[in-house]
Amino acid sequence: MIDAFAPSIWENHDVKKGILCQLFGGCSKDFGRYGGGRQRGEINILLCGDPSTAKSQLLTYVHKIAPRGIYTSGKGSSAVGLTVYVTKDPETKEIVLESGALVLSDRGICCIDEFDKMDDNTRVILHEAMEQQTVSVAKAGIIAQLNARTAILAAANPVKSKYDPKLSVVDNIKLPPSLLSRFDLIYLVLDKQNEAADRRLANHIVSLYSVVPDGKAVDNGEQVQSSELLRSNKIDRDFFAQYISFARKNVKPKLTDTVTTDLVQEYVKMRALGNSKKTITATPR
């Protein structure tokens, strides 16, 4: 499935694994009104890194393959554009609510590009949606709470546009801790200079445009291997999307005792690393 997911994007296998987990989703738990209510099973992911590392392409691919998805840009999104806005019905003249991106992507994935370009007022809106998975409204005499059971896939650039290795991860990302803790997976997608890796990537990109109609690549070597990898991918995108939709609806995995013990041990290890302000560690959330 990793090979089938965005095959035109070179490597980034760890990122693809995480996004696949997000596409399939987890299991929501409902402990009742007095037991804490509904606990989200959706996974929120943040991709942070250098320009031209295919972050936007990954978001676009997820938007196309997700059973229900909305794609938006943080720079062009307002608070009401993400949640709901109040308008008048042209015929009845009554005040009505129109859904924004988070509400429209209920039971799906909301892809937000240029996450770092959002203003603070818009980011505050995400706090409730990312954890409680609801959007509360109190406007023009309308008081309501709408479902926003959506997983958020966000892409952001570091503070100085390019990742600065002299700064810590926290200083590079520069997002409020309250918002950062709501992301379950945070990936640094860096553009490191390496001759061998650069050659493989260049061959892969060139191979995307150098396949002649009979299906044979123009050149030999790694370029041919990249072209063959793309052609050998047997999973059709439409079938892949149907499979994800089927799995989300019918497959409900459960944690075994062994896995539960491992999770507790790894959580304690990650907490032990959190004494420094320069690292991002696990929170009880």
Protein backbone atom coordinates (compact mmCIF):
# COMPACT_ATOMS: atom_id res chain seq x y z
CA MET A 1 0.00 0.00 0.00
CA ILE A 2 2.94 2.34 0.60
CA ASP A 3 4.04 1.80 -3.03
CA ALA A 4 0.48 2.42 -4.21
CA PHE A 5 0.11 5.64 -2.21
CA ALA A 6 1.24 8.68 -4.26
CA PRO A 7 3.70 6.64 -6.40
CA SER A 8 4.96 9.76 -8.17
CA ILE A 9 6.36 11.09 -4.85
CA TRP A 10 9.80 9.64 -4.19
CA GLU A 11 10.37 7.67 -0.96
CA ASN A 12 9.10 9.42 2.25
CA HIS A 13 7.92 5.97 3.38
CA ASP A 14 7.51 6.96 7.04
CA VAL A 15 5.32 9.92 6.10
CA LYS A 16 3.24 7.73 3.81
CA LYS A 17 2.77 5.16 6.60
CA GLY A 18 1.46 7.85 8.92
CA ILE A 19 -0.92 9.28 6.32
CA LEU A 20 -2.21 5.77 5.53
CA CYS A 21 -2.99 5.32 9.25
CA GLN A 22 -4.85 8.63 9.09
CA LEU A 23 -6.82 7.58 6.00
CA PHE A 24 -7.95 4.32 7.61
CA GLY A 25 -8.57 6.03 10.96
CA GLY A 26 -8.80 4.64 14.45
CA CYS A 27 -11.76 3.56 16.57
CA SER A 28 -13.86 6.21 18.26
CA LYS A 29 -15.00 5.50 21.81
CA ASP A 30 -18.19 6.75 23.39
CA PHE A 31 -18.16 6.61 27.21
CA GLY A 32 -21.56 8.20 27.56
CA ARG A 33 -22.58 11.60 28.79
CA TYR A 34 -21.18 11.16 32.29
CA GLY A 35 -18.12 9.12 31.36
CA GLY A 36 -16.33 11.70 29.27
CA GLY A 37 -18.41 11.51 26.10
CA ARG A 38 -16.99 10.63 22.71
CA GLN A 39 -13.22 10.20 22.38
CA ARG A 40 -11.90 10.78 18.89
CA GLY A 41 -10.45 8.00 16.78
CA GLU A 42 -9.25 10.37 14.05
CA ILE A 43 -5.53 11.06 13.68
CA ASN A 44 -4.18 14.59 13.15
CA ILE A 45 -0.89 14.97 11.28
CA LEU A 46 1.46 17.93 10.77
CA LEU A 47 4.06 17.98 7.99
CA CYS A 48 6.69 20.65 8.60
CA GLY A 49 9.73 21.16 6.44
CA ASP A 50 11.62 22.81 3.63
CA PRO A 51 9.98 24.10 0.46
CA SER A 52 9.77 21.74 -2.56
CA THR A 53 9.60 18.55 -0.45
CA ALA A 54 6.22 17.50 -1.92
CA LYS A 55 4.16 18.43 1.14
CA SER A 56 1.44 20.08 -0.96
CA GLN A 57 1.44 17.16 -3.38
CA LEU A 58 0.81 14.73 -0.53
CA LEU A 59 -2.10 16.86 0.66
CA THR A 60 -3.55 16.99 -2.86
CA TYR A 61 -3.30 13.21 -3.22
CA VAL A 62 -5.00 12.63 0.14
CA HIS A 63 -7.77 15.04 -0.83
CA LYS A 64 -8.41 13.04 -4.00
CA ILE A 65 -8.30 9.57 -2.44
CA ALA A 66 -10.09 10.25 0.87
CA PRO A 67 -13.76 9.15 0.94
CA ARG A 68 -14.64 12.65 2.03
CA GLY A 69 -12.12 15.47 1.99
CA ILE A 70 -11.72 19.23 1.76
CA TYR A 71 -8.54 21.03 0.63
CA THR A 72 -7.90 24.58 1.76
CA SER A 73 -5.01 26.99 2.17
CA GLY A 74 -4.29 28.49 5.57
CA LYS A 75 -3.35 31.85 4.07
CA GLY A 76 -6.69 32.20 2.30
CA SER A 77 -8.87 30.75 5.08
CA SER A 78 -10.69 32.77 7.68
CA ALA A 79 -12.23 31.60 10.93
CA VAL A 80 -15.75 31.57 9.48
CA GLY A 81 -14.49 29.88 6.32
CA LEU A 82 -13.27 26.96 8.43
CA THR A 83 -16.29 26.72 10.74
CA VAL A 84 -19.68 28.25 9.83
CA TYR A 85 -20.94 31.64 8.78
CA VAL A 86 -24.30 33.33 9.20
CA THR A 87 -26.21 34.50 6.14
CA LYS A 88 -29.74 35.41 5.13
CA ASP A 89 -31.78 33.12 2.96
CA PRO A 90 -32.58 35.15 -0.20
CA GLU A 91 -36.12 33.79 -0.39
CA THR A 92 -37.37 33.48 3.20
CA LYS A 93 -35.11 36.24 4.60
CA GLU A 94 -34.44 34.01 7.60
CA ILE A 95 -30.98 33.76 9.17
CA VAL A 96 -29.30 30.46 8.30
CA LEU A 97 -25.93 28.81 8.92
CA GLU A 98 -23.62 27.86 6.04
CA SER A 99 -21.01 25.17 6.70
CA GLY A 100 -17.30 25.81 6.45
CA ALA A 101 -14.41 23.45 5.62
CA LEU A 102 -14.24 21.64 9.00
CA VAL A 103 -17.96 20.93 9.11
CA LEU A 104 -18.10 19.88 5.44
CA SER A 105 -15.28 17.38 6.01
CA ASP A 106 -17.14 15.64 8.86
CA ARG A 107 -16.24 11.91 8.83
CA GLY A 108 -13.43 12.71 6.42
CA ILE A 109 -10.10 14.55 6.17
CA CYS A 110 -9.49 18.29 6.04
CA CYS A 111 -6.21 19.15 4.30
CA ILE A 112 -4.84 22.57 5.29
CA ASP A 113 -1.84 23.85 3.34
CA GLU A 114 0.27 26.85 4.43
CA PHE A 115 -0.70 26.13 8.02
CA ASP A 116 1.96 28.51 9.34
CA LYS A 117 0.43 31.44 7.40
CA MET A 118 -2.83 31.32 9.39
CA ASP A 119 -3.55 34.21 11.72
CA ASP A 120 -3.93 33.53 15.44
CA ASN A 121 -7.71 34.07 15.47
CA THR A 122 -8.19 31.35 12.86
CA ARG A 123 -5.90 28.90 14.69
CA VAL A 124 -7.91 29.28 17.89
CA ILE A 125 -10.92 27.85 16.05
CA LEU A 126 -8.99 24.62 15.49
CA HIS A 127 -8.53 23.92 19.21
CA GLU A 128 -12.09 22.72 19.74
CA ALA A 129 -12.40 21.02 16.35
CA MET A 130 -9.18 18.99 16.72
CA GLU A 131 -9.98 17.55 20.15
CA GLN A 132 -13.70 17.76 20.92
CA GLN A 133 -14.49 17.45 17.20
CA THR A 134 -17.29 19.97 17.37
CA VAL A 135 -17.72 23.57 16.27
CA SER A 136 -19.65 25.82 18.67
CA VAL A 137 -21.51 28.82 17.28
CA ALA A 138 -23.12 31.79 19.02
CA LYS A 139 -23.95 34.35 16.35
CA ALA A 140 -26.96 36.53 15.52
CA GLY A 141 -29.12 34.80 18.11
CA ILE A 142 -28.19 31.32 16.84
CA ILE A 143 -26.56 29.05 19.43
CA ALA A 144 -25.55 25.67 18.07
CA GLN A 145 -22.92 22.95 18.20
CA LEU A 146 -22.05 21.22 14.91
CA ASN A 147 -20.12 18.00 14.37
CA ALA A 148 -16.61 18.28 12.93
CA ARG A 149 -15.44 14.67 13.26
CA THR A 150 -12.59 15.24 10.88
CA ALA A 151 -8.91 14.30 10.77
CA ILE A 152 -6.64 17.25 9.97
CA LEU A 153 -3.63 16.93 7.68
CA ALA A 154 -1.65 20.18 7.81
CA ALA A 155 1.49 21.30 5.98
CA ALA A 156 3.68 24.14 7.22
CA ASN A 157 7.04 25.74 6.53
CA PRO A 158 9.51 26.51 9.34
CA VAL A 159 9.73 30.03 10.78
CA LYS A 160 12.50 31.11 8.39
CA SER A 161 10.89 29.29 5.42
CA LYS A 162 13.81 26.84 5.44
CA TYR A 163 14.64 24.56 8.37
CA ASP A 164 17.48 25.97 10.47
CA PRO A 165 19.54 23.15 12.03
CA LYS A 166 20.99 25.62 14.56
CA LEU A 167 17.55 26.04 16.14
CA SER A 168 15.61 23.41 18.03
CA VAL A 169 12.58 21.66 16.52
CA VAL A 170 10.22 23.70 18.71
CA ASP A 171 11.84 27.00 17.64
CA ASN A 172 11.69 25.98 13.98
CA ILE A 173 8.00 25.06 14.02
CA LYS A 174 6.96 27.91 16.36
CA LEU A 175 3.35 26.88 16.94
CA PRO A 176 1.55 27.28 20.30
CA PRO A 177 2.00 24.22 22.56
CA SER A 178 -1.77 23.95 22.98
CA LEU A 179 -2.16 23.47 19.23
CA LEU A 180 0.96 21.37 18.74
CA SER A 181 -0.17 18.84 21.35
CA ARG A 182 -3.32 18.17 19.32
CA PHE A 183 -1.27 16.69 16.47
CA ASP A 184 -0.71 12.95 16.95
CA LEU A 185 2.07 12.68 14.38
CA ILE A 186 4.54 15.45 13.50
CA TYR A 187 6.92 14.87 10.59
CA LEU A 188 9.96 16.93 9.65
CA VAL A 189 10.31 16.75 5.86
CA LEU A 190 13.80 18.10 5.16
CA ASP A 191 15.66 18.71 1.91
CA LYS A 192 19.13 17.43 2.78
CA GLN A 193 21.92 17.65 0.20
CA ASN A 194 23.27 14.21 -0.62
CA GLU A 195 24.75 13.34 -4.00
CA ALA A 196 23.48 9.75 -4.14
CA ALA A 197 19.98 10.70 -2.93
CA ASP A 198 19.85 13.71 -5.25
CA ARG A 199 20.77 11.51 -8.21
CA ARG A 200 18.07 8.94 -7.37
CA LEU A 201 15.46 11.66 -6.94
CA ALA A 202 16.45 13.40 -10.19
CA ASN A 203 16.29 10.10 -12.09
CA HIS A 204 12.87 9.41 -10.60
CA ILE A 205 11.49 12.83 -11.57
CA VAL A 206 12.91 12.61 -15.09
CA SER A 207 11.47 9.10 -15.50
CA LEU A 208 7.97 10.48 -14.90
CA TYR A 209 8.27 12.45 -18.14
CA SER A 210 10.44 10.11 -20.22
CA VAL A 211 8.14 7.10 -20.75
CA VAL A 212 7.29 6.64 -24.43
CA PRO A 213 3.85 5.32 -25.56
CA ASP A 214 4.93 1.67 -25.71
CA GLY A 215 5.70 1.81 -22.00
CA LYS A 216 9.52 1.69 -22.27
CA ALA A 217 11.73 4.31 -20.69
CA VAL A 218 14.07 6.36 -22.87
CA ASP A 219 17.21 5.74 -20.84
CA ASN A 220 18.70 2.86 -18.84
CA GLY A 221 19.79 2.47 -15.22
CA GLU A 222 17.96 3.96 -12.28
CA GLN A 223 15.66 5.90 -14.60
CA VAL A 224 14.28 2.62 -15.99
CA GLN A 225 13.84 1.23 -12.47
CA SER A 226 11.77 4.26 -11.45
CA SER A 227 9.57 3.94 -14.52
CA GLU A 228 9.08 0.21 -13.96
CA LEU A 229 8.19 0.84 -10.30
CA LEU A 230 5.43 3.21 -11.39
CA ARG A 231 4.10 0.79 -14.02
CA SER A 232 4.31 -2.24 -11.69
CA ASN A 233 1.93 -0.59 -9.23
CA LYS A 234 -1.13 -2.82 -9.56
CA ILE A 235 -3.52 -0.98 -7.23
CA ASP A 236 -5.81 1.37 -9.10
CA ARG A 237 -6.48 4.69 -7.32
CA ASP A 238 -10.26 4.34 -7.51
CA PHE A 239 -10.07 0.82 -6.08
CA PHE A 240 -7.69 2.08 -3.38
CA ALA A 241 -10.21 4.77 -2.38
CA GLN A 242 -13.03 2.18 -2.24
CA TYR A 243 -10.88 -0.11 -0.09
CA ILE A 244 -10.16 2.71 2.38
CA SER A 245 -13.86 3.57 2.55
CA PHE A 246 -14.78 -0.10 3.15
CA ALA A 247 -12.13 -0.50 5.88
CA ARG A 248 -13.21 2.66 7.70
CA LYS A 249 -16.77 1.39 7.82
CA ASN A 250 -16.27 -2.30 8.62
CA VAL A 251 -12.89 -2.89 10.29
CA LYS A 252 -12.70 -2.16 14.03
CA PRO A 253 -9.32 -3.32 15.40
CA LYS A 254 -8.76 -3.85 19.13
CA LEU A 255 -5.62 -3.47 21.22
CA THR A 256 -4.15 -6.66 22.67
CA ASP A 257 -2.61 -6.87 26.15
CA THR A 258 0.90 -7.07 24.69
CA VAL A 259 0.44 -3.94 22.60
CA THR A 260 -1.07 -2.10 25.57
CA THR A 261 2.03 -2.86 27.65
CA ASP A 262 4.33 -1.69 24.84
CA LEU A 263 2.37 1.55 24.46
CA VAL A 264 2.71 2.31 28.17
CA GLN A 265 6.47 1.65 28.10
CA GLU A 266 7.06 3.81 25.02
CA TYR A 267 4.91 6.61 26.44
CA VAL A 268 7.01 6.65 29.62
CA LYS A 269 10.22 6.75 27.52
CA MET A 270 8.92 9.70 25.47
CA ARG A 271 7.88 11.53 28.63
CA ALA A 272 11.41 11.10 29.98
CA LEU A 273 12.72 13.02 26.95
CA GLY A 274 10.40 15.94 27.65
CA ASN A 275 12.48 17.65 30.32
CA SER A 276 14.07 19.88 27.67
CA LYS A 277 12.12 22.69 26.00
CA LYS A 278 13.93 21.95 22.76
CA THR A 279 12.12 18.70 21.99
CA ILE A 280 8.52 17.74 21.26
CA THR A 281 7.37 14.90 23.47
CA ALA A 282 4.18 12.99 24.23
CA THR A 283 1.39 14.59 26.26
CA PRO A 284 -1.41 12.79 28.14
CA ARG A 285 -3.63 13.84 25.26
